[in-house]
Amino acid sequence: MSSVTDFLLNRASEPRLEAPAPDAATLDRAFACASRAPDHALLRPWRYLVIEGDGLKALGELLAAGYSDMRGKTDEKKLEIIRNKAQRSPMIIVGIASPKKHHKVPEVEQILSAGAGMGFLGLALQDAGYGVMWRSGELSHYPMVHKGLGLVEGESVTGFLYTGTVSSTKPAVPRPALAEFVARWPA
């Protein structure tokens, strides 16, 4: 198998990240890789926001406000936990699915393309020596969070890609046996 296959077989999410984050040239190359995601009709149904520095604090505040808006809860301890989510790495890249109306390409294909782009982006950053952790969760679906991030109607968050330098590695995650998720059809 090729070095790409070996790389994929050793890929892992890294939750412990610190500075430095990827530099501009590394980001440009990683976004160029993301743009190679399968994209029926070349609609480019994705975009990205790079958040770092003071923007991380602002993102934490936005996430906490979105939580309060949706849940009606103002438990300060819970809100502080949510605010701190944005401080887990020196950079967060927000992936946004931005489907276009098209007579041949359904919205679901475009959202899958945006997801593939996030995956390619993460792989490119890892290949450049950085750690990544792709997170989503309920906060990524809150209307106030969408509005605060500048999403327009029809757009959605494909995830928050935390990135930076790995501060400590975690144990390998056991992978399922292929027979658990692969079958031949017809049987």
N, C-alpha and C. Protein backbone atom coordinates (compact mmCIF):
# COMPACT_ATOMS: atom_id res chain seq x y z
N MET A 1 0.83 -1.18 0.00
CA MET A 1 0.00 0.00 0.00
C MET A 1 0.88 1.25 0.00
N SER A 2 0.29 2.35 -0.38
CA SER A 2 1.05 3.60 -0.49
C SER A 2 1.24 4.26 0.87
N SER A 3 2.06 5.27 0.88
CA SER A 3 2.28 6.03 2.11
C SER A 3 1.00 6.73 2.55
N VAL A 4 0.12 7.06 1.62
CA VAL A 4 -1.17 7.67 1.97
C VAL A 4 -1.99 6.69 2.81
N THR A 5 -2.03 5.44 2.39
CA THR A 5 -2.77 4.43 3.14
C THR A 5 -2.17 4.24 4.53
N ASP A 6 -0.87 4.16 4.62
CA ASP A 6 -0.22 4.03 5.93
C ASP A 6 -0.56 5.22 6.82
N PHE A 7 -0.53 6.41 6.25
CA PHE A 7 -0.87 7.62 7.00
C PHE A 7 -2.31 7.53 7.53
N LEU A 8 -3.25 7.14 6.68
CA LEU A 8 -4.65 7.04 7.10
C LEU A 8 -4.83 6.00 8.20
N LEU A 9 -4.13 4.89 8.09
CA LEU A 9 -4.26 3.84 9.10
C LEU A 9 -3.70 4.28 10.46
N ASN A 10 -2.87 5.29 10.47
CA ASN A 10 -2.30 5.80 11.72
C ASN A 10 -2.91 7.12 12.18
N ARG A 11 -3.87 7.62 11.45
CA ARG A 11 -4.52 8.89 11.78
C ARG A 11 -5.26 8.77 13.11
N ALA A 12 -5.21 9.83 13.90
CA ALA A 12 -5.93 9.85 15.18
C ALA A 12 -6.33 11.28 15.51
N SER A 13 -7.44 11.42 16.21
CA SER A 13 -7.84 12.72 16.73
C SER A 13 -6.99 13.02 17.96
N GLU A 14 -6.59 14.27 18.08
CA GLU A 14 -5.72 14.66 19.19
C GLU A 14 -6.40 15.75 20.02
N PRO A 15 -6.85 15.40 21.22
CA PRO A 15 -7.58 16.38 22.04
C PRO A 15 -6.70 17.36 22.81
N ARG A 16 -5.43 17.09 22.96
CA ARG A 16 -4.53 17.95 23.75
C ARG A 16 -3.65 18.77 22.81
N LEU A 17 -4.05 20.01 22.60
CA LEU A 17 -3.38 20.86 21.63
C LEU A 17 -2.93 22.17 22.26
N GLU A 18 -1.79 22.66 21.80
CA GLU A 18 -1.25 23.92 22.31
C GLU A 18 -0.62 24.69 21.15
N ALA A 19 -0.17 25.91 21.44
CA ALA A 19 0.53 26.71 20.43
C ALA A 19 1.87 26.05 20.13
N PRO A 20 2.37 26.20 18.93
CA PRO A 20 1.84 27.05 17.87
C PRO A 20 0.78 26.35 17.03
N ALA A 21 -0.05 27.19 16.44
CA ALA A 21 -1.03 26.74 15.45
C ALA A 21 -0.36 26.77 14.08
N PRO A 22 -1.01 26.21 13.08
CA PRO A 22 -0.45 26.27 11.72
C PRO A 22 -0.24 27.71 11.26
N ASP A 23 0.85 27.94 10.53
CA ASP A 23 1.11 29.26 9.97
C ASP A 23 0.31 29.46 8.68
N ALA A 24 0.37 30.65 8.13
CA ALA A 24 -0.43 31.00 6.95
C ALA A 24 -0.14 30.10 5.75
N ALA A 25 1.13 29.81 5.50
CA ALA A 25 1.47 28.97 4.35
C ALA A 25 0.93 27.55 4.52
N THR A 26 1.02 27.02 5.73
CA THR A 26 0.49 25.68 6.01
C THR A 26 -1.02 25.67 5.84
N LEU A 27 -1.68 26.72 6.36
CA LEU A 27 -3.14 26.81 6.19
C LEU A 27 -3.54 26.88 4.72
N ASP A 28 -2.83 27.71 3.96
CA ASP A 28 -3.15 27.82 2.53
C ASP A 28 -3.06 26.46 1.84
N ARG A 29 -2.02 25.72 2.13
CA ARG A 29 -1.85 24.40 1.52
C ARG A 29 -2.95 23.44 1.98
N ALA A 30 -3.31 23.50 3.27
CA ALA A 30 -4.37 22.63 3.79
C ALA A 30 -5.72 22.98 3.16
N PHE A 31 -6.01 24.27 3.00
CA PHE A 31 -7.27 24.65 2.36
C PHE A 31 -7.28 24.26 0.88
N ALA A 32 -6.12 24.30 0.24
CA ALA A 32 -6.04 23.82 -1.15
C ALA A 32 -6.39 22.33 -1.20
N CYS A 33 -5.95 21.57 -0.20
CA CYS A 33 -6.31 20.15 -0.13
C CYS A 33 -7.81 20.00 0.10
N ALA A 34 -8.38 20.81 0.98
CA ALA A 34 -9.82 20.75 1.25
C ALA A 34 -10.62 21.00 -0.03
N SER A 35 -10.11 21.87 -0.87
CA SER A 35 -10.83 22.20 -2.11
C SER A 35 -10.83 21.06 -3.12
N ARG A 36 -10.07 19.99 -2.83
CA ARG A 36 -10.03 18.82 -3.70
C ARG A 36 -11.10 17.79 -3.34
N ALA A 37 -11.97 18.12 -2.40
CA ALA A 37 -13.05 17.19 -2.03
C ALA A 37 -13.93 16.93 -3.25
N PRO A 38 -14.48 15.72 -3.36
CA PRO A 38 -15.41 15.44 -4.45
C PRO A 38 -16.51 16.51 -4.47
N ASP A 39 -16.77 17.03 -5.64
CA ASP A 39 -17.66 18.19 -5.76
C ASP A 39 -18.40 18.14 -7.09
N HIS A 40 -19.50 17.42 -7.12
CA HIS A 40 -20.31 17.27 -8.32
C HIS A 40 -20.72 18.65 -8.85
N ALA A 41 -20.46 18.92 -10.09
CA ALA A 41 -20.78 20.17 -10.79
C ALA A 41 -19.93 21.36 -10.34
N LEU A 42 -18.87 21.10 -9.59
CA LEU A 42 -17.95 22.16 -9.15
C LEU A 42 -18.69 23.33 -8.49
N LEU A 43 -19.60 23.01 -7.58
CA LEU A 43 -20.39 24.04 -6.89
C LEU A 43 -19.65 24.68 -5.73
N ARG A 44 -18.59 24.03 -5.25
CA ARG A 44 -17.83 24.53 -4.11
C ARG A 44 -18.78 24.86 -2.95
N PRO A 45 -19.50 23.84 -2.45
CA PRO A 45 -20.54 24.10 -1.44
C PRO A 45 -20.01 24.15 0.00
N TRP A 46 -18.89 24.81 0.19
CA TRP A 46 -18.26 24.88 1.50
C TRP A 46 -17.51 26.19 1.63
N ARG A 47 -17.33 26.55 2.89
CA ARG A 47 -16.45 27.67 3.22
C ARG A 47 -15.96 27.46 4.64
N TYR A 48 -14.98 28.24 5.04
CA TYR A 48 -14.32 28.04 6.33
C TYR A 48 -14.07 29.37 7.02
N LEU A 49 -14.09 29.35 8.35
CA LEU A 49 -13.70 30.49 9.17
C LEU A 49 -12.52 30.07 10.03
N VAL A 50 -11.46 30.85 10.05
CA VAL A 50 -10.30 30.57 10.89
C VAL A 50 -10.40 31.49 12.11
N ILE A 51 -10.38 30.87 13.29
CA ILE A 51 -10.52 31.63 14.53
C ILE A 51 -9.31 31.36 15.41
N GLU A 52 -8.68 32.43 15.87
CA GLU A 52 -7.54 32.31 16.77
C GLU A 52 -7.43 33.59 17.59
N GLY A 53 -6.51 33.62 18.54
CA GLY A 53 -6.30 34.81 19.37
C GLY A 53 -7.56 35.19 20.11
N ASP A 54 -7.88 36.50 20.10
CA ASP A 54 -9.06 37.01 20.79
C ASP A 54 -10.36 36.45 20.21
N GLY A 55 -10.30 35.97 18.98
CA GLY A 55 -11.49 35.37 18.37
C GLY A 55 -11.95 34.13 19.11
N LEU A 56 -11.02 33.42 19.74
CA LEU A 56 -11.40 32.22 20.50
C LEU A 56 -12.26 32.58 21.71
N LYS A 57 -11.91 33.68 22.37
CA LYS A 57 -12.73 34.13 23.50
C LYS A 57 -14.11 34.55 23.01
N ALA A 58 -14.15 35.26 21.90
CA ALA A 58 -15.43 35.67 21.33
C ALA A 58 -16.27 34.46 20.92
N LEU A 59 -15.62 33.42 20.39
CA LEU A 59 -16.35 32.20 20.04
C LEU A 59 -16.92 31.55 21.30
N GLY A 60 -16.14 31.50 22.37
CA GLY A 60 -16.63 30.94 23.62
C GLY A 60 -17.86 31.68 24.12
N GLU A 61 -17.83 33.01 24.05
CA GLU A 61 -18.98 33.81 24.46
C GLU A 61 -20.20 33.52 23.58
N LEU A 62 -19.95 33.39 22.27
CA LEU A 62 -21.04 33.09 21.34
C LEU A 62 -21.66 31.73 21.64
N LEU A 63 -20.82 30.73 21.90
CA LEU A 63 -21.33 29.40 22.21
C LEU A 63 -22.16 29.42 23.49
N ALA A 64 -21.69 30.14 24.51
CA ALA A 64 -22.43 30.25 25.76
C ALA A 64 -23.76 30.97 25.56
N ALA A 65 -23.75 32.03 24.78
CA ALA A 65 -24.99 32.76 24.50
C ALA A 65 -25.97 31.88 23.72
N GLY A 66 -25.44 31.11 22.76
CA GLY A 66 -26.30 30.21 22.00
C GLY A 66 -26.93 29.15 22.88
N TYR A 67 -26.15 28.63 23.83
CA TYR A 67 -26.65 27.63 24.76
C TYR A 67 -27.76 28.23 25.62
N SER A 68 -27.53 29.42 26.17
CA SER A 68 -28.54 30.08 27.01
C SER A 68 -29.81 30.35 26.21
N ASP A 69 -29.64 30.79 24.97
CA ASP A 69 -30.79 31.09 24.12
C ASP A 69 -31.64 29.85 23.86
N MET A 70 -31.00 28.71 23.60
CA MET A 70 -31.73 27.48 23.27
C MET A 70 -32.24 26.76 24.51
N ARG A 71 -31.45 26.76 25.55
CA ARG A 71 -31.79 25.99 26.74
C ARG A 71 -32.48 26.80 27.82
N GLY A 72 -32.37 28.13 27.71
CA GLY A 72 -32.96 28.97 28.74
C GLY A 72 -32.27 28.80 30.09
N LYS A 73 -31.10 28.24 30.09
CA LYS A 73 -30.37 28.00 31.33
C LYS A 73 -29.27 29.05 31.49
N THR A 74 -29.09 29.47 32.69
CA THR A 74 -28.03 30.44 32.94
C THR A 74 -27.11 29.98 34.06
N ASP A 75 -27.04 28.67 34.29
CA ASP A 75 -26.12 28.11 35.28
C ASP A 75 -24.71 28.54 34.91
N GLU A 76 -24.13 29.41 35.71
CA GLU A 76 -22.83 30.00 35.37
C GLU A 76 -21.73 28.95 35.25
N LYS A 77 -21.79 27.90 36.03
CA LYS A 77 -20.77 26.84 35.94
C LYS A 77 -20.83 26.17 34.57
N LYS A 78 -22.03 25.84 34.10
CA LYS A 78 -22.20 25.21 32.79
C LYS A 78 -21.76 26.17 31.68
N LEU A 79 -22.12 27.45 31.80
CA LEU A 79 -21.74 28.44 30.79
C LEU A 79 -20.22 28.61 30.73
N GLU A 80 -19.56 28.53 31.86
CA GLU A 80 -18.10 28.65 31.89
C GLU A 80 -17.46 27.44 31.19
N ILE A 81 -18.02 26.27 31.40
CA ILE A 81 -17.53 25.07 30.70
C ILE A 81 -17.66 25.26 29.20
N ILE A 82 -18.80 25.79 28.76
CA ILE A 82 -19.03 26.02 27.33
C ILE A 82 -18.06 27.08 26.80
N ARG A 83 -17.87 28.16 27.54
CA ARG A 83 -16.92 29.20 27.11
C ARG A 83 -15.53 28.61 26.92
N ASN A 84 -15.14 27.73 27.83
CA ASN A 84 -13.79 27.16 27.79
C ASN A 84 -13.59 26.18 26.64
N LYS A 85 -14.67 25.70 26.02
CA LYS A 85 -14.53 24.80 24.87
C LYS A 85 -13.70 25.45 23.77
N ALA A 86 -13.83 26.75 23.63
CA ALA A 86 -13.11 27.47 22.57
C ALA A 86 -11.65 27.72 22.92
N GLN A 87 -11.23 27.32 24.11
CA GLN A 87 -9.84 27.54 24.53
C GLN A 87 -9.03 26.24 24.49
N ARG A 88 -9.57 25.20 23.90
CA ARG A 88 -8.90 23.89 23.90
C ARG A 88 -7.76 23.80 22.90
N SER A 89 -7.63 24.77 22.03
CA SER A 89 -6.54 24.77 21.05
C SER A 89 -6.26 26.21 20.64
N PRO A 90 -5.11 26.47 20.04
CA PRO A 90 -4.78 27.84 19.64
C PRO A 90 -5.49 28.30 18.37
N MET A 91 -6.15 27.37 17.68
CA MET A 91 -6.88 27.73 16.45
C MET A 91 -8.06 26.78 16.28
N ILE A 92 -9.17 27.35 15.86
CA ILE A 92 -10.34 26.55 15.50
C ILE A 92 -10.76 26.97 14.10
N ILE A 93 -10.97 25.99 13.25
CA ILE A 93 -11.46 26.25 11.90
C ILE A 93 -12.90 25.75 11.85
N VAL A 94 -13.81 26.65 11.54
CA VAL A 94 -15.22 26.28 11.44
C VAL A 94 -15.50 25.91 9.99
N GLY A 95 -15.98 24.69 9.79
CA GLY A 95 -16.39 24.26 8.46
C GLY A 95 -17.86 24.58 8.26
N ILE A 96 -18.18 25.13 7.11
CA ILE A 96 -19.56 25.52 6.81
C ILE A 96 -19.98 24.91 5.49
N ALA A 97 -21.09 24.16 5.54
CA ALA A 97 -21.70 23.64 4.31
C ALA A 97 -22.55 24.77 3.75
N SER A 98 -22.33 25.08 2.49
CA SER A 98 -23.01 26.19 1.85
C SER A 98 -23.60 25.72 0.52
N PRO A 99 -24.67 24.88 0.59
CA PRO A 99 -25.23 24.30 -0.63
C PRO A 99 -25.81 25.36 -1.57
N LYS A 100 -25.72 25.06 -2.85
CA LYS A 100 -26.26 25.93 -3.90
C LYS A 100 -27.44 25.21 -4.57
N LYS A 101 -28.40 25.96 -5.03
CA LYS A 101 -29.51 25.37 -5.79
C LYS A 101 -28.95 24.85 -7.11
N HIS A 102 -29.27 23.58 -7.41
CA HIS A 102 -28.79 23.00 -8.65
C HIS A 102 -29.74 21.89 -9.08
N HIS A 103 -30.06 21.85 -10.35
CA HIS A 103 -31.04 20.88 -10.84
C HIS A 103 -30.55 19.44 -10.83
N LYS A 104 -29.23 19.22 -10.81
CA LYS A 104 -28.70 17.85 -10.83
C LYS A 104 -28.05 17.42 -9.51
N VAL A 105 -27.71 18.37 -8.66
CA VAL A 105 -26.95 18.04 -7.46
C VAL A 105 -27.79 18.31 -6.21
N PRO A 106 -28.29 17.25 -5.58
CA PRO A 106 -29.11 17.46 -4.38
C PRO A 106 -28.29 18.04 -3.23
N GLU A 107 -28.98 18.68 -2.33
CA GLU A 107 -28.34 19.32 -1.18
C GLU A 107 -27.50 18.32 -0.38
N VAL A 108 -28.01 17.11 -0.20
CA VAL A 108 -27.28 16.13 0.60
C VAL A 108 -25.90 15.83 0.00
N GLU A 109 -25.78 15.79 -1.32
CA GLU A 109 -24.47 15.57 -1.94
C GLU A 109 -23.52 16.72 -1.64
N GLN A 110 -24.06 17.91 -1.60
CA GLN A 110 -23.23 19.08 -1.33
C GLN A 110 -22.77 19.11 0.13
N ILE A 111 -23.63 18.69 1.04
CA ILE A 111 -23.25 18.63 2.45
C ILE A 111 -22.18 17.55 2.65
N LEU A 112 -22.33 16.44 1.95
CA LEU A 112 -21.30 15.40 2.02
C LEU A 112 -19.97 15.92 1.47
N SER A 113 -20.01 16.72 0.42
CA SER A 113 -18.79 17.31 -0.13
C SER A 113 -18.13 18.22 0.91
N ALA A 114 -18.94 19.01 1.61
CA ALA A 114 -18.39 19.89 2.65
C ALA A 114 -17.75 19.07 3.77
N GLY A 115 -18.38 17.94 4.12
CA GLY A 115 -17.80 17.07 5.14
C GLY A 115 -16.49 16.45 4.67
N ALA A 116 -16.45 16.04 3.41
CA ALA A 116 -15.21 15.49 2.86
C ALA A 116 -14.11 16.55 2.89
N GLY A 117 -14.46 17.78 2.59
CA GLY A 117 -13.48 18.87 2.64
C GLY A 117 -12.90 19.05 4.04
N MET A 118 -13.77 18.95 5.05
CA MET A 118 -13.28 19.04 6.44
C MET A 118 -12.30 17.90 6.73
N GLY A 119 -12.65 16.70 6.25
CA GLY A 119 -11.76 15.56 6.46
C GLY A 119 -10.42 15.76 5.78
N PHE A 120 -10.44 16.25 4.54
CA PHE A 120 -9.20 16.50 3.82
C PHE A 120 -8.37 17.58 4.52
N LEU A 121 -9.04 18.62 5.01
CA LEU A 121 -8.37 19.70 5.72
C LEU A 121 -7.65 19.15 6.95
N GLY A 122 -8.35 18.34 7.73
CA GLY A 122 -7.74 17.74 8.91
C GLY A 122 -6.55 16.86 8.57
N LEU A 123 -6.69 16.07 7.53
CA LEU A 123 -5.59 15.19 7.12
C LEU A 123 -4.38 16.00 6.67
N ALA A 124 -4.62 17.07 5.94
CA ALA A 124 -3.51 17.90 5.46
C ALA A 124 -2.79 18.56 6.64
N LEU A 125 -3.55 19.01 7.64
CA LEU A 125 -2.91 19.62 8.80
C LEU A 125 -2.11 18.59 9.60
N GLN A 126 -2.64 17.38 9.70
CA GLN A 126 -1.89 16.34 10.39
C GLN A 126 -0.64 15.97 9.62
N ASP A 127 -0.73 15.93 8.31
CA ASP A 127 0.44 15.62 7.49
C ASP A 127 1.52 16.69 7.66
N ALA A 128 1.09 17.92 7.95
CA ALA A 128 2.04 19.03 8.16
C ALA A 128 2.61 19.01 9.58
N GLY A 129 2.18 18.04 10.40
CA GLY A 129 2.75 17.91 11.74
C GLY A 129 1.91 18.45 12.87
N TYR A 130 0.69 18.88 12.57
CA TYR A 130 -0.20 19.42 13.61
C TYR A 130 -1.21 18.37 14.04
N GLY A 131 -1.75 18.57 15.22
CA GLY A 131 -2.83 17.71 15.69
C GLY A 131 -4.15 18.37 15.37
N VAL A 132 -5.19 17.55 15.21
CA VAL A 132 -6.53 18.08 14.97
C VAL A 132 -7.55 17.25 15.75
N MET A 133 -8.65 17.90 16.05
CA MET A 133 -9.79 17.24 16.67
C MET A 133 -11.04 17.87 16.06
N TRP A 134 -11.81 17.06 15.32
CA TRP A 134 -13.03 17.53 14.67
C TRP A 134 -14.17 17.35 15.66
N ARG A 135 -14.77 18.45 16.08
CA ARG A 135 -15.87 18.41 17.03
C ARG A 135 -17.11 19.05 16.42
N SER A 136 -18.25 18.61 16.90
CA SER A 136 -19.50 19.25 16.48
C SER A 136 -20.40 19.34 17.71
N GLY A 137 -21.45 18.55 17.77
CA GLY A 137 -22.33 18.59 18.93
C GLY A 137 -23.45 19.59 18.77
N GLU A 138 -24.29 19.65 19.78
CA GLU A 138 -25.50 20.45 19.69
C GLU A 138 -25.23 21.93 19.47
N LEU A 139 -24.15 22.46 20.01
CA LEU A 139 -23.87 23.89 19.86
C LEU A 139 -23.70 24.29 18.40
N SER A 140 -23.25 23.36 17.58
CA SER A 140 -23.03 23.67 16.16
C SER A 140 -24.33 23.83 15.39
N HIS A 141 -25.45 23.50 16.02
CA HIS A 141 -26.75 23.60 15.35
C HIS A 141 -27.60 24.77 15.84
N TYR A 142 -27.14 25.50 16.82
CA TYR A 142 -27.95 26.56 17.42
C TYR A 142 -28.05 27.79 16.51
N PRO A 143 -29.26 28.30 16.30
CA PRO A 143 -29.45 29.46 15.42
C PRO A 143 -28.61 30.68 15.81
N MET A 144 -28.48 30.95 17.11
CA MET A 144 -27.69 32.11 17.52
C MET A 144 -26.22 31.94 17.16
N VAL A 145 -25.72 30.71 17.25
CA VAL A 145 -24.34 30.44 16.87
C VAL A 145 -24.18 30.64 15.36
N HIS A 146 -25.14 30.14 14.59
CA HIS A 146 -25.09 30.34 13.13
C HIS A 146 -25.08 31.83 12.79
N LYS A 147 -25.98 32.57 13.42
CA LYS A 147 -26.06 34.01 13.14
C LYS A 147 -24.75 34.70 13.51
N GLY A 148 -24.22 34.38 14.69
CA GLY A 148 -22.99 35.01 15.15
C GLY A 148 -21.79 34.70 14.26
N LEU A 149 -21.80 33.52 13.64
CA LEU A 149 -20.72 33.14 12.73
C LEU A 149 -20.94 33.65 11.31
N GLY A 150 -22.08 34.28 11.07
CA GLY A 150 -22.34 34.85 9.76
C GLY A 150 -22.92 33.89 8.74
N LEU A 151 -23.49 32.78 9.21
CA LEU A 151 -24.12 31.84 8.27
C LEU A 151 -25.39 32.47 7.73
N VAL A 152 -25.71 32.13 6.50
CA VAL A 152 -26.95 32.59 5.89
C VAL A 152 -27.91 31.41 5.78
N GLU A 153 -29.14 31.70 5.44
CA GLU A 153 -30.15 30.66 5.34
C GLU A 153 -29.68 29.54 4.41
N GLY A 154 -29.86 28.31 4.87
CA GLY A 154 -29.46 27.14 4.09
C GLY A 154 -28.08 26.63 4.43
N GLU A 155 -27.27 27.42 5.14
CA GLU A 155 -25.94 26.97 5.52
C GLU A 155 -25.99 26.24 6.86
N SER A 156 -24.99 25.40 7.09
CA SER A 156 -24.89 24.69 8.37
C SER A 156 -23.41 24.51 8.71
N VAL A 157 -23.17 24.29 10.00
CA VAL A 157 -21.80 24.05 10.48
C VAL A 157 -21.51 22.56 10.32
N THR A 158 -20.44 22.24 9.61
CA THR A 158 -20.04 20.84 9.49
C THR A 158 -19.15 20.43 10.65
N GLY A 159 -18.64 21.38 11.39
CA GLY A 159 -17.86 21.06 12.57
C GLY A 159 -16.85 22.14 12.89
N PHE A 160 -16.26 21.97 14.07
CA PHE A 160 -15.20 22.83 14.55
C PHE A 160 -13.93 22.00 14.54
N LEU A 161 -12.96 22.38 13.73
CA LEU A 161 -11.71 21.65 13.64
C LEU A 161 -10.68 22.35 14.52
N TYR A 162 -10.47 21.78 15.70
CA TYR A 162 -9.48 22.30 16.64
C TYR A 162 -8.11 21.87 16.10
N THR A 163 -7.16 22.80 16.09
CA THR A 163 -5.83 22.45 15.59
C THR A 163 -4.74 23.19 16.34
N GLY A 164 -3.60 22.57 16.40
CA GLY A 164 -2.43 23.13 17.06
C GLY A 164 -1.37 22.06 17.15
N THR A 165 -0.42 22.30 18.01
CA THR A 165 0.66 21.35 18.23
C THR A 165 0.22 20.36 19.32
N VAL A 166 0.45 19.09 19.08
CA VAL A 166 0.05 18.07 20.05
C VAL A 166 0.91 18.23 21.30
N SER A 167 0.24 18.40 22.47
CA SER A 167 0.99 18.58 23.72
C SER A 167 1.29 17.25 24.39
N SER A 168 0.43 16.27 24.21
CA SER A 168 0.69 14.91 24.71
C SER A 168 -0.20 13.96 23.94
N THR A 169 0.38 12.84 23.55
CA THR A 169 -0.39 11.88 22.77
C THR A 169 -1.27 11.05 23.68
N LYS A 170 -2.31 10.54 23.11
CA LYS A 170 -3.22 9.70 23.86
C LYS A 170 -3.03 8.25 23.42
N PRO A 171 -3.52 7.31 24.20
CA PRO A 171 -3.40 5.91 23.79
C PRO A 171 -4.17 5.66 22.48
N ALA A 172 -3.71 4.70 21.72
CA ALA A 172 -4.39 4.34 20.47
C ALA A 172 -5.80 3.87 20.76
N VAL A 173 -6.71 4.26 19.90
CA VAL A 173 -8.11 3.86 20.03
C VAL A 173 -8.29 2.54 19.30
N PRO A 174 -8.91 1.55 19.95
CA PRO A 174 -9.14 0.29 19.23
C PRO A 174 -10.08 0.52 18.06
N ARG A 175 -9.79 -0.11 16.97
CA ARG A 175 -10.62 0.02 15.76
C ARG A 175 -11.46 -1.24 15.60
N PRO A 176 -12.67 -1.09 15.03
CA PRO A 176 -13.53 -2.26 14.87
C PRO A 176 -12.99 -3.22 13.81
N ALA A 177 -13.37 -4.47 13.96
CA ALA A 177 -13.02 -5.46 12.93
C ALA A 177 -13.82 -5.12 11.68
N LEU A 178 -13.22 -5.32 10.52
CA LEU A 178 -13.88 -4.98 9.26
C LEU A 178 -15.23 -5.69 9.11
N ALA A 179 -15.33 -6.90 9.60
CA ALA A 179 -16.59 -7.66 9.49
C ALA A 179 -17.74 -6.98 10.23
N GLU A 180 -17.43 -6.06 11.14
CA GLU A 180 -18.47 -5.36 11.89
C GLU A 180 -19.18 -4.30 11.04
N PHE A 181 -18.54 -3.85 9.96
CA PHE A 181 -19.16 -2.78 9.18
C PHE A 181 -19.04 -2.95 7.66
N VAL A 182 -18.51 -4.10 7.22
CA VAL A 182 -18.38 -4.36 5.79
C VAL A 182 -19.09 -5.67 5.46
N ALA A 183 -19.93 -5.65 4.42
CA ALA A 183 -20.61 -6.85 3.97
C ALA A 183 -20.60 -6.89 2.44
N ARG A 184 -20.76 -8.04 1.88
CA ARG A 184 -20.88 -8.20 0.43
C ARG A 184 -22.36 -8.21 0.07
N TRP A 185 -22.71 -7.59 -1.03
CA TRP A 185 -24.09 -7.60 -1.50
C TRP A 185 -24.12 -7.96 -2.96
N PRO A 186 -24.97 -8.78 -3.42
CA PRO A 186 -25.90 -9.57 -2.60
C PRO A 186 -25.15 -10.65 -1.83
N ALA A 187 -25.75 -11.03 -0.72
CA ALA A 187 -25.09 -12.00 0.17
C ALA A 187 -25.08 -13.39 -0.42
